[in-house]
Amino acid sequence: MKQYNLSQIMKSAHRKFRSAKGEKSFSECLKSAWMFAKLQVSFSDENIAKKDREFVQAQNAKFEKVAPSKRSSYDDLSIPASAYYNANSTGRFGSHFVND
């Protein structure tokens, strides 16, 4: 369990209460100080690294079950060059490449 700096939380709540000038009660300021302290802990380097590791493990587990892809008959590369290239197919400056 995470140990919070209670002194810092109380100081923060008191600072917010004094700056609010009666608009907020001390309990509201204390509640927001606690929420901020918990938010700081959730964004600590250790927690972010832990969440990253969990995410990577979940992704790896998901992709382990996926079968490798295979080429389809539409992706067959054994067609003759005349299917996509003829004598009149010239590109820029008379080059004879397919996508010029």
PDB file of N, CA and C in Angstrom:
ATOM      1  N   MET A   1       0.840  -1.177   0.000  1.00  0.00           N
ATOM      2  CA  MET A   1       0.000   0.000   0.000  1.00  0.00           C
ATOM      3  C   MET A   1       0.887   1.243   0.000  1.00  0.00           C
ATOM      4  N   LYS A   2       0.498   2.226  -0.751  1.00  0.00           N
ATOM      5  CA  LYS A   2       1.283   3.444  -0.895  1.00  0.00           C
ATOM      6  C   LYS A   2       1.149   4.301   0.357  1.00  0.00           C
ATOM      7  N   GLN A   3       2.273   4.790   0.849  1.00  0.00           N
ATOM      8  CA  GLN A   3       2.286   5.713   1.982  1.00  0.00           C
ATOM      9  C   GLN A   3       2.243   7.138   1.435  1.00  0.00           C
ATOM     10  N   TYR A   4       1.256   7.895   1.833  1.00  0.00           N
ATOM     11  CA  TYR A   4       1.116   9.268   1.375  1.00  0.00           C
ATOM     12  C   TYR A   4       1.764  10.218   2.381  1.00  0.00           C
ATOM     13  N   ASN A   5       2.222  11.345   1.904  1.00  0.00           N
ATOM     14  CA  ASN A   5       2.784  12.378   2.765  1.00  0.00           C
ATOM     15  C   ASN A   5       1.614  13.204   3.301  1.00  0.00           C
ATOM     16  N   LEU A   6       1.154  12.858   4.508  1.00  0.00           N
ATOM     17  CA  LEU A   6      -0.033  13.491   5.068  1.00  0.00           C
ATOM     18  C   LEU A   6       0.206  14.968   5.365  1.00  0.00           C
ATOM     19  N   SER A   7       1.410  15.303   5.777  1.00  0.00           N
ATOM     20  CA  SER A   7       1.729  16.696   6.058  1.00  0.00           C
ATOM     21  C   SER A   7       1.585  17.540   4.796  1.00  0.00           C
ATOM     22  N   GLN A   8       2.078  17.024   3.698  1.00  0.00           N
ATOM     23  CA  GLN A   8       1.979  17.760   2.434  1.00  0.00           C
ATOM     24  C   GLN A   8       0.521  17.894   1.995  1.00  0.00           C
ATOM     25  N   ILE A   9      -0.269  16.863   2.213  1.00  0.00           N
ATOM     26  CA  ILE A   9      -1.687  16.909   1.833  1.00  0.00           C
ATOM     27  C   ILE A   9      -2.423  17.955   2.661  1.00  0.00           C
ATOM     28  N   MET A  10      -2.155  17.989   3.976  1.00  0.00           N
ATOM     29  CA  MET A  10      -2.817  18.968   4.837  1.00  0.00           C
ATOM     30  C   MET A  10      -2.369  20.393   4.489  1.00  0.00           C
ATOM     31  N   LYS A  11      -1.086  20.579   4.187  1.00  0.00           N
ATOM     32  CA  LYS A  11      -0.602  21.903   3.792  1.00  0.00           C
ATOM     33  C   LYS A  11      -1.281  22.359   2.510  1.00  0.00           C
ATOM     34  N   SER A  12      -1.401  21.437   1.568  1.00  0.00           N
ATOM     35  CA  SER A  12      -2.037  21.771   0.298  1.00  0.00           C
ATOM     36  C   SER A  12      -3.502  22.136   0.505  1.00  0.00           C
ATOM     37  N   ALA A  13      -4.194  21.366   1.351  1.00  0.00           N
ATOM     38  CA  ALA A  13      -5.603  21.647   1.621  1.00  0.00           C
ATOM     39  C   ALA A  13      -5.754  23.004   2.305  1.00  0.00           C
ATOM     40  N   HIS A  14      -4.871  23.302   3.243  1.00  0.00           N
ATOM     41  CA  HIS A  14      -4.954  24.581   3.951  1.00  0.00           C
ATOM     42  C   HIS A  14      -4.667  25.740   3.004  1.00  0.00           C
ATOM     43  N   ARG A  15      -3.695  25.566   2.106  1.00  0.00           N
ATOM     44  CA  ARG A  15      -3.390  26.601   1.114  1.00  0.00           C
ATOM     45  C   ARG A  15      -4.596  26.854   0.207  1.00  0.00           C
ATOM     46  N   LYS A  16      -5.249  25.768  -0.223  1.00  0.00           N
ATOM     47  CA  LYS A  16      -6.431  25.925  -1.083  1.00  0.00           C
ATOM     48  C   LYS A  16      -7.568  26.601  -0.333  1.00  0.00           C
ATOM     49  N   PHE A  17      -7.718  26.251   0.950  1.00  0.00           N
ATOM     50  CA  PHE A  17      -8.797  26.823   1.754  1.00  0.00           C
ATOM     51  C   PHE A  17      -8.586  28.323   1.946  1.00  0.00           C
ATOM     52  N   ARG A  18      -7.338  28.739   2.210  1.00  0.00           N
ATOM     53  CA  ARG A  18      -7.051  30.164   2.389  1.00  0.00           C
ATOM     54  C   ARG A  18      -7.223  30.934   1.087  1.00  0.00           C
ATOM     55  N   SER A  19      -6.847  30.303  -0.047  1.00  0.00           N
ATOM     56  CA  SER A  19      -6.960  31.024  -1.319  1.00  0.00           C
ATOM     57  C   SER A  19      -8.396  31.062  -1.838  1.00  0.00           C
ATOM     58  N   ALA A  20      -9.260  30.161  -1.349  1.00  0.00           N
ATOM     59  CA  ALA A  20     -10.652  30.135  -1.803  1.00  0.00           C
ATOM     60  C   ALA A  20     -11.460  31.265  -1.190  1.00  0.00           C
ATOM     61  N   LYS A  21     -11.035  31.790  -0.018  1.00  0.00           N
ATOM     62  CA  LYS A  21     -11.676  32.927   0.657  1.00  0.00           C
ATOM     63  C   LYS A  21     -13.164  32.697   0.893  1.00  0.00           C
ATOM     64  N   GLY A  22     -13.479  31.540   1.446  1.00  0.00           N
ATOM     65  CA  GLY A  22     -14.854  31.260   1.842  1.00  0.00           C
ATOM     66  C   GLY A  22     -15.714  30.646   0.758  1.00  0.00           C
ATOM     67  N   GLU A  23     -15.212  30.478  -0.433  1.00  0.00           N
ATOM     68  CA  GLU A  23     -16.016  29.884  -1.496  1.00  0.00           C
ATOM     69  C   GLU A  23     -16.139  28.375  -1.330  1.00  0.00           C
ATOM     70  N   LYS A  24     -15.104  27.766  -0.732  1.00  0.00           N
ATOM     71  CA  LYS A  24     -15.111  26.323  -0.517  1.00  0.00           C
ATOM     72  C   LYS A  24     -14.924  26.035   0.960  1.00  0.00           C
ATOM     73  N   SER A  25     -15.498  24.917   1.393  1.00  0.00           N
ATOM     74  CA  SER A  25     -15.274  24.497   2.772  1.00  0.00           C
ATOM     75  C   SER A  25     -13.932  23.779   2.858  1.00  0.00           C
ATOM     76  N   PHE A  26     -13.445  23.618   4.111  1.00  0.00           N
ATOM     77  CA  PHE A  26     -12.158  22.949   4.285  1.00  0.00           C
ATOM     78  C   PHE A  26     -12.253  21.490   3.853  1.00  0.00           C
ATOM     79  N   SER A  27     -13.406  20.872   4.044  1.00  0.00           N
ATOM     80  CA  SER A  27     -13.550  19.462   3.645  1.00  0.00           C
ATOM     81  C   SER A  27     -13.450  19.308   2.128  1.00  0.00           C
ATOM     82  N   GLU A  28     -13.993  20.259   1.376  1.00  0.00           N
ATOM     83  CA  GLU A  28     -13.867  20.208  -0.081  1.00  0.00           C
ATOM     84  C   GLU A  28     -12.413  20.377  -0.507  1.00  0.00           C
ATOM     85  N   CYS A  29     -11.707  21.288   0.161  1.00  0.00           N
ATOM     86  CA  CYS A  29     -10.294  21.502  -0.154  1.00  0.00           C
ATOM     87  C   CYS A  29      -9.470  20.274   0.204  1.00  0.00           C
ATOM     88  N   LEU A  30      -9.786  19.640   1.330  1.00  0.00           N
ATOM     89  CA  LEU A  30      -9.072  18.434   1.742  1.00  0.00           C
ATOM     90  C   LEU A  30      -9.338  17.294   0.766  1.00  0.00           C
ATOM     91  N   LYS A  31     -10.580  17.189   0.313  1.00  0.00           N
ATOM     92  CA  LYS A  31     -10.922  16.144  -0.654  1.00  0.00           C
ATOM     93  C   LYS A  31     -10.158  16.351  -1.961  1.00  0.00           C
ATOM     94  N   SER A  32     -10.080  17.590  -2.437  1.00  0.00           N
ATOM     95  CA  SER A  32      -9.356  17.838  -3.685  1.00  0.00           C
ATOM     96  C   SER A  32      -7.855  17.614  -3.499  1.00  0.00           C
ATOM     97  N   ALA A  33      -7.319  17.900  -2.308  1.00  0.00           N
ATOM     98  CA  ALA A  33      -5.898  17.649  -2.049  1.00  0.00           C
ATOM     99  C   ALA A  33      -5.611  16.151  -2.062  1.00  0.00           C
ATOM    100  N   TRP A  34      -6.520  15.358  -1.488  1.00  0.00           N
ATOM    101  CA  TRP A  34      -6.346  13.897  -1.520  1.00  0.00           C
ATOM    102  C   TRP A  34      -6.423  13.378  -2.948  1.00  0.00           C
ATOM    103  N   MET A  35      -7.363  13.879  -3.721  1.00  0.00           N
ATOM    104  CA  MET A  35      -7.480  13.437  -5.111  1.00  0.00           C
ATOM    105  C   MET A  35      -6.210  13.770  -5.884  1.00  0.00           C
ATOM    106  N   PHE A  36      -5.644  14.945  -5.634  1.00  0.00           N
ATOM    107  CA  PHE A  36      -4.417  15.334  -6.324  1.00  0.00           C
ATOM    108  C   PHE A  36      -3.253  14.449  -5.901  1.00  0.00           C
ATOM    109  N   ALA A  37      -3.171  14.107  -4.612  1.00  0.00           N
ATOM    110  CA  ALA A  37      -2.090  13.236  -4.130  1.00  0.00           C
ATOM    111  C   ALA A  37      -2.193  11.856  -4.770  1.00  0.00           C
ATOM    112  N   LYS A  38      -3.396  11.336  -4.870  1.00  0.00           N
ATOM    113  CA  LYS A  38      -3.592  10.025  -5.504  1.00  0.00           C
ATOM    114  C   LYS A  38      -3.276  10.090  -6.995  1.00  0.00           C
ATOM    115  N   LEU A  39      -3.596  11.207  -7.622  1.00  0.00           N
ATOM    116  CA  LEU A  39      -3.283  11.382  -9.035  1.00  0.00           C
ATOM    117  C   LEU A  39      -1.776  11.430  -9.263  1.00  0.00           C
ATOM    118  N   GLN A  40      -1.060  12.095  -8.364  1.00  0.00           N
ATOM    119  CA  GLN A  40       0.396  12.143  -8.469  1.00  0.00           C
ATOM    120  C   GLN A  40       0.999  10.749  -8.360  1.00  0.00           C
ATOM    121  N   VAL A  41       0.454   9.929  -7.464  1.00  0.00           N
ATOM    122  CA  VAL A  41       0.967   8.568  -7.294  1.00  0.00           C
ATOM    123  C   VAL A  41       0.689   7.748  -8.543  1.00  0.00           C
ATOM    124  N   SER A  42      -0.482   7.934  -9.146  1.00  0.00           N
ATOM    125  CA  SER A  42      -0.818   7.145 -10.336  1.00  0.00           C
ATOM    126  C   SER A  42       0.055   7.519 -11.530  1.00  0.00           C
ATOM    127  N   PHE A  43       0.607   8.736 -11.535  1.00  0.00           N
ATOM    128  CA  PHE A  43       1.476   9.163 -12.628  1.00  0.00           C
ATOM    129  C   PHE A  43       2.957   9.046 -12.288  1.00  0.00           C
ATOM    130  N   SER A  44       3.284   8.309 -11.242  1.00  0.00           N
ATOM    131  CA  SER A  44       4.697   8.131 -10.900  1.00  0.00           C
ATOM    132  C   SER A  44       5.358   7.227 -11.935  1.00  0.00           C
ATOM    133  N   ASP A  45       6.672   7.290 -12.001  1.00  0.00           N
ATOM    134  CA  ASP A  45       7.420   6.522 -13.002  1.00  0.00           C
ATOM    135  C   ASP A  45       7.209   5.021 -12.845  1.00  0.00           C
ATOM    136  N   GLU A  46       7.155   4.546 -11.588  1.00  0.00           N
ATOM    137  CA  GLU A  46       6.985   3.107 -11.363  1.00  0.00           C
ATOM    138  C   GLU A  46       5.623   2.631 -11.857  1.00  0.00           C
ATOM    139  N   ASN A  47       4.578   3.416 -11.570  1.00  0.00           N
ATOM    140  CA  ASN A  47       3.238   3.007 -11.995  1.00  0.00           C
ATOM    141  C   ASN A  47       3.086   3.050 -13.506  1.00  0.00           C
ATOM    142  N   ILE A  48       3.675   4.040 -14.132  1.00  0.00           N
ATOM    143  CA  ILE A  48       3.590   4.122 -15.594  1.00  0.00           C
ATOM    144  C   ILE A  48       4.327   2.953 -16.226  1.00  0.00           C
ATOM    145  N   ALA A  49       5.503   2.615 -15.688  1.00  0.00           N
ATOM    146  CA  ALA A  49       6.251   1.471 -16.214  1.00  0.00           C
ATOM    147  C   ALA A  49       5.478   0.174 -16.001  1.00  0.00           C
ATOM    148  N   LYS A  50       4.820   0.046 -14.865  1.00  0.00           N
ATOM    149  CA  LYS A  50       4.022  -1.152 -14.575  1.00  0.00           C
ATOM    150  C   LYS A  50       2.849  -1.268 -15.556  1.00  0.00           C
ATOM    151  N   LYS A  51       2.172  -0.151 -15.809  1.00  0.00           N
ATOM    152  CA  LYS A  51       1.047  -0.171 -16.746  1.00  0.00           C
ATOM    153  C   LYS A  51       1.519  -0.490 -18.162  1.00  0.00           C
ATOM    154  N   ASP A  52       2.689   0.034 -18.535  1.00  0.00           N
ATOM    155  CA  ASP A  52       3.249  -0.274 -19.853  1.00  0.00           C
ATOM    156  C   ASP A  52       3.552  -1.758 -19.990  1.00  0.00           C
ATOM    157  N   ARG A  53       4.161  -2.346 -18.952  1.00  0.00           N
ATOM    158  CA  ARG A  53       4.462  -3.783 -18.993  1.00  0.00           C
ATOM    159  C   ARG A  53       3.191  -4.611 -19.107  1.00  0.00           C
ATOM    160  N   GLU A  54       2.157  -4.236 -18.352  1.00  0.00           N
ATOM    161  CA  GLU A  54       0.889  -4.967 -18.419  1.00  0.00           C
ATOM    162  C   GLU A  54       0.273  -4.854 -19.809  1.00  0.00           C
ATOM    163  N   PHE A  55       0.341  -3.677 -20.405  1.00  0.00           N
ATOM    164  CA  PHE A  55      -0.220  -3.480 -21.741  1.00  0.00           C
ATOM    165  C   PHE A  55       0.523  -4.322 -22.768  1.00  0.00           C
ATOM    166  N   VAL A  56       1.853  -4.330 -22.690  1.00  0.00           N
ATOM    167  CA  VAL A  56       2.653  -5.111 -23.639  1.00  0.00           C
ATOM    168  C   VAL A  56       2.372  -6.598 -23.474  1.00  0.00           C
ATOM    169  N   GLN A  57       2.246  -7.065 -22.241  1.00  0.00           N
ATOM    170  CA  GLN A  57       1.936  -8.473 -22.009  1.00  0.00           C
ATOM    171  C   GLN A  57       0.563  -8.829 -22.566  1.00  0.00           C
ATOM    172  N   ALA A  58      -0.403  -7.943 -22.398  1.00  0.00           N
ATOM    173  CA  ALA A  58      -1.743  -8.200 -22.932  1.00  0.00           C
ATOM    174  C   ALA A  58      -1.717  -8.248 -24.457  1.00  0.00           C
ATOM    175  N   GLN A  59      -0.979  -7.331 -25.081  1.00  0.00           N
ATOM    176  CA  GLN A  59      -0.887  -7.330 -26.539  1.00  0.00           C
ATOM    177  C   GLN A  59      -0.184  -8.581 -27.050  1.00  0.00           C
ATOM    178  N   ASN A  60       0.888  -8.988 -26.374  1.00  0.00           N
ATOM    179  CA  ASN A  60       1.598 -10.199 -26.783  1.00  0.00           C
ATOM    180  C   ASN A  60       0.714 -11.427 -26.653  1.00  0.00           C
ATOM    181  N   ALA A  61      -0.067 -11.493 -25.575  1.00  0.00           N
ATOM    182  CA  ALA A  61      -0.971 -12.625 -25.390  1.00  0.00           C
ATOM    183  C   ALA A  61      -2.037 -12.643 -26.479  1.00  0.00           C
ATOM    184  N   LYS A  62      -2.496 -11.473 -26.887  1.00  0.00           N
ATOM    185  CA  LYS A  62      -3.528 -11.399 -27.921  1.00  0.00           C
ATOM    186  C   LYS A  62      -2.973 -11.827 -29.277  1.00  0.00           C
ATOM    187  N   PHE A  63      -1.738 -11.441 -29.587  1.00  0.00           N
ATOM    188  CA  PHE A  63      -1.172 -11.737 -30.899  1.00  0.00           C
ATOM    189  C   PHE A  63      -0.548 -13.122 -30.994  1.00  0.00           C
ATOM    190  N   GLU A  64      -0.373 -13.816 -29.871  1.00  0.00           N
ATOM    191  CA  GLU A  64       0.152 -15.182 -29.933  1.00  0.00           C
ATOM    192  C   GLU A  64      -0.837 -16.122 -30.613  1.00  0.00           C
ATOM    193  N   LYS A  65      -2.123 -15.818 -30.502  1.00  0.00           N
ATOM    194  CA  LYS A  65      -3.170 -16.690 -31.033  1.00  0.00           C
ATOM    195  C   LYS A  65      -3.445 -16.447 -32.517  1.00  0.00           C
ATOM    196  N   VAL A  66      -2.859 -15.421 -33.081  1.00  0.00           N
ATOM    197  CA  VAL A  66      -3.121 -15.055 -34.470  1.00  0.00           C
ATOM    198  C   VAL A  66      -2.284 -15.930 -35.402  1.00  0.00           C
ATOM    199  N   ALA A  67      -2.922 -16.442 -36.441  1.00  0.00           N
ATOM    200  CA  ALA A  67      -2.210 -17.261 -37.424  1.00  0.00           C
ATOM    201  C   ALA A  67      -1.430 -16.353 -38.372  1.00  0.00           C
ATOM    202  N   PRO A  68      -0.286 -16.802 -38.852  1.00  0.00           N
ATOM    203  CA  PRO A  68       0.468 -15.971 -39.794  1.00  0.00           C
ATOM    204  C   PRO A  68      -0.283 -15.833 -41.119  1.00  0.00           C
ATOM    205  N   SER A  69      -0.111 -14.719 -41.766  1.00  0.00           N
ATOM    206  CA  SER A  69      -0.831 -14.470 -43.010  1.00  0.00           C
ATOM    207  C   SER A  69      -0.187 -15.228 -44.166  1.00  0.00           C
ATOM    208  N   LYS A  70      -1.015 -15.547 -45.148  1.00  0.00           N
ATOM    209  CA  LYS A  70      -0.547 -16.247 -46.347  1.00  0.00           C
ATOM    210  C   LYS A  70      -0.921 -15.412 -47.561  1.00  0.00           C
ATOM    211  N   ARG A  71      -0.135 -15.532 -48.610  1.00  0.00           N
ATOM    212  CA  ARG A  71      -0.446 -14.807 -49.837  1.00  0.00           C
ATOM    213  C   ARG A  71      -1.693 -15.396 -50.485  1.00  0.00           C
ATOM    214  N   SER A  72      -2.513 -14.515 -51.026  1.00  0.00           N
ATOM    215  CA  SER A  72      -3.715 -14.971 -51.705  1.00  0.00           C
ATOM    216  C   SER A  72      -3.431 -15.138 -53.196  1.00  0.00           C
ATOM    217  N   SER A  73      -4.399 -15.692 -53.892  1.00  0.00           N
ATOM    218  CA  SER A  73      -4.233 -15.874 -55.334  1.00  0.00           C
ATOM    219  C   SER A  73      -4.241 -14.527 -56.062  1.00  0.00           C
ATOM    220  N   TYR A  74      -4.808 -13.499 -55.452  1.00  0.00           N
ATOM    221  CA  TYR A  74      -4.819 -12.176 -56.065  1.00  0.00           C
ATOM    222  C   TYR A  74      -3.447 -11.510 -55.991  1.00  0.00           C
ATOM    223  N   ASP A  75      -2.586 -12.026 -55.140  1.00  0.00           N
ATOM    224  CA  ASP A  75      -1.268 -11.446 -54.941  1.00  0.00           C
ATOM    225  C   ASP A  75      -0.191 -12.285 -55.624  1.00  0.00           C
ATOM    226  N   ASP A  76      -0.555 -12.959 -56.678  1.00  0.00           N
ATOM    227  CA  ASP A  76       0.365 -13.855 -57.374  1.00  0.00           C
ATOM    228  C   ASP A  76       1.335 -13.036 -58.221  1.00  0.00           C
ATOM    229  N   LEU A  77       2.627 -13.297 -58.076  1.00  0.00           N
ATOM    230  CA  LEU A  77       3.638 -12.529 -58.793  1.00  0.00           C
ATOM    231  C   LEU A  77       4.168 -13.256 -60.024  1.00  0.00           C
ATOM    232  N   SER A  78       3.536 -14.340 -60.424  1.00  0.00           N
ATOM    233  CA  SER A  78       4.027 -15.100 -61.570  1.00  0.00           C
ATOM    234  C   SER A  78       3.379 -14.673 -62.887  1.00  0.00           C
ATOM    235  N   ILE A  79       2.766 -13.505 -62.926  1.00  0.00           N
ATOM    236  CA  ILE A  79       2.148 -13.036 -64.161  1.00  0.00           C
ATOM    237  C   ILE A  79       3.231 -12.493 -65.088  1.00  0.00           C
ATOM    238  N   PRO A  80       3.009 -12.525 -66.405  1.00  0.00           N
ATOM    239  CA  PRO A  80       4.032 -12.021 -67.334  1.00  0.00           C
ATOM    240  C   PRO A  80       4.110 -10.491 -67.282  1.00  0.00           C
ATOM    241  N   ALA A  81       5.234  -9.976 -67.706  1.00  0.00           N
ATOM    242  CA  ALA A  81       5.441  -8.529 -67.683  1.00  0.00           C
ATOM    243  C   ALA A  81       4.503  -7.817 -68.644  1.00  0.00           C
ATOM    244  N   SER A  82       4.037  -8.503 -69.688  1.00  0.00           N
ATOM    245  CA  SER A  82       3.142  -7.864 -70.656  1.00  0.00           C
ATOM    246  C   SER A  82       1.782  -7.544 -70.049  1.00  0.00           C
ATOM    247  N   ALA A  83       1.455  -8.121 -68.909  1.00  0.00           N
ATOM    248  CA  ALA A  83       0.175  -7.835 -68.277  1.00  0.00           C
ATOM    249  C   ALA A  83       0.129  -6.405 -67.746  1.00  0.00           C
ATOM    250  N   TYR A  84       1.246  -5.873 -67.363  1.00  0.00           N
ATOM    251  CA  TYR A  84       1.253  -4.527 -66.814  1.00  0.00           C
ATOM    252  C   TYR A  84       2.210  -3.584 -67.539  1.00  0.00           C
ATOM    253  N   TYR A  85       2.905  -4.075 -68.571  1.00  0.00           N
ATOM    254  CA  TYR A  85       3.906  -3.255 -69.253  1.00  0.00           C
ATOM    255  C   TYR A  85       3.890  -3.582 -70.734  1.00  0.00           C
ATOM    256  N   ASN A  86       3.787  -2.563 -71.575  1.00  0.00           N
ATOM    257  CA  ASN A  86       3.895  -2.781 -73.013  1.00  0.00           C
ATOM    258  C   ASN A  86       4.887  -1.781 -73.598  1.00  0.00           C
ATOM    259  N   ALA A  87       5.082  -1.842 -74.904  1.00  0.00           N
ATOM    260  CA  ALA A  87       6.100  -1.008 -75.551  1.00  0.00           C
ATOM    261  C   ALA A  87       5.775   0.473 -75.434  1.00  0.00           C
ATOM    262  N   ASN A  88       4.491   0.824 -75.308  1.00  0.00           N
ATOM    263  CA  ASN A  88       4.108   2.229 -75.223  1.00  0.00           C
ATOM    264  C   ASN A  88       4.138   2.766 -73.795  1.00  0.00           C
ATOM    265  N   SER A  89       4.439   1.920 -72.848  1.00  0.00           N
ATOM    266  CA  SER A  89       4.484   2.349 -71.450  1.00  0.00           C
ATOM    267  C   SER A  89       5.821   3.014 -71.163  1.00  0.00           C
ATOM    268  N   THR A  90       5.810   4.310 -71.203  1.00  0.00           N
ATOM    269  CA  THR A  90       7.021   5.049 -70.860  1.00  0.00           C
ATOM    270  C   THR A  90       6.663   6.067 -69.806  1.00  0.00           C
ATOM    271  N   GLY A  91       7.592   6.303 -68.947  1.00  0.00           N
ATOM    272  CA  GLY A  91       7.375   7.276 -67.899  1.00  0.00           C
ATOM    273  C   GLY A  91       7.991   8.603 -68.249  1.00  0.00           C
ATOM    274  N   ARG A  92       8.350   9.335 -67.268  1.00  0.00           N
ATOM    275  CA  ARG A  92       8.953  10.640 -67.452  1.00  0.00           C
ATOM    276  C   ARG A  92      10.315  10.492 -68.126  1.00  0.00           C
ATOM    277  N   PHE A  93      10.591  11.286 -69.097  1.00  0.00           N
ATOM    278  CA  PHE A  93      11.831  11.271 -69.874  1.00  0.00           C
ATOM    279  C   PHE A  93      12.045   9.942 -70.595  1.00  0.00           C
ATOM    280  N   GLY A  94      10.975   9.218 -70.923  1.00  0.00           N
ATOM    281  CA  GLY A  94      11.075   7.993 -71.699  1.00  0.00           C
ATOM    282  C   GLY A  94      11.547   6.780 -70.930  1.00  0.00           C
ATOM    283  N   SER A  95      11.502   6.827 -69.614  1.00  0.00           N
ATOM    284  CA  SER A  95      11.944   5.668 -68.838  1.00  0.00           C
ATOM    285  C   SER A  95      10.914   4.554 -68.944  1.00  0.00           C
ATOM    286  N   HIS A  96      11.358   3.327 -68.832  1.00  0.00           N
ATOM    287  CA  HIS A  96      10.476   2.170 -68.988  1.00  0.00           C
ATOM    288  C   HIS A  96      10.266   1.438 -67.665  1.00  0.00           C
ATOM    289  N   PHE A  97       9.872   2.161 -66.666  1.00  0.00           N
ATOM    290  CA  PHE A  97       9.546   1.538 -65.390  1.00  0.00           C
ATOM    291  C   PHE A  97       8.048   1.587 -65.197  1.00  0.00           C
ATOM    292  N   VAL A  98       7.535   0.712 -64.385  1.00  0.00           N
ATOM    293  CA  VAL A  98       6.091   0.536 -64.267  1.00  0.00           C
ATOM    294  C   VAL A  98       5.413   1.770 -63.678  1.00  0.00           C
ATOM    295  N   ASN A  99       5.894   2.281 -62.587  1.00  0.00           N
ATOM    296  CA  ASN A  99       5.174   3.355 -61.899  1.00  0.00           C
ATOM    297  C   ASN A  99       5.771   4.735 -62.127  1.00  0.00           C
ATOM    298  N   ASP A 100       6.387   4.977 -63.259  1.00  0.00           N
ATOM    299  CA  ASP A 100       6.916   6.315 -63.543  1.00  0.00           C
ATOM    300  C   ASP A 100       5.880   7.160 -64.237  1.00  0.00           C
TER     301      ASP A 100
END
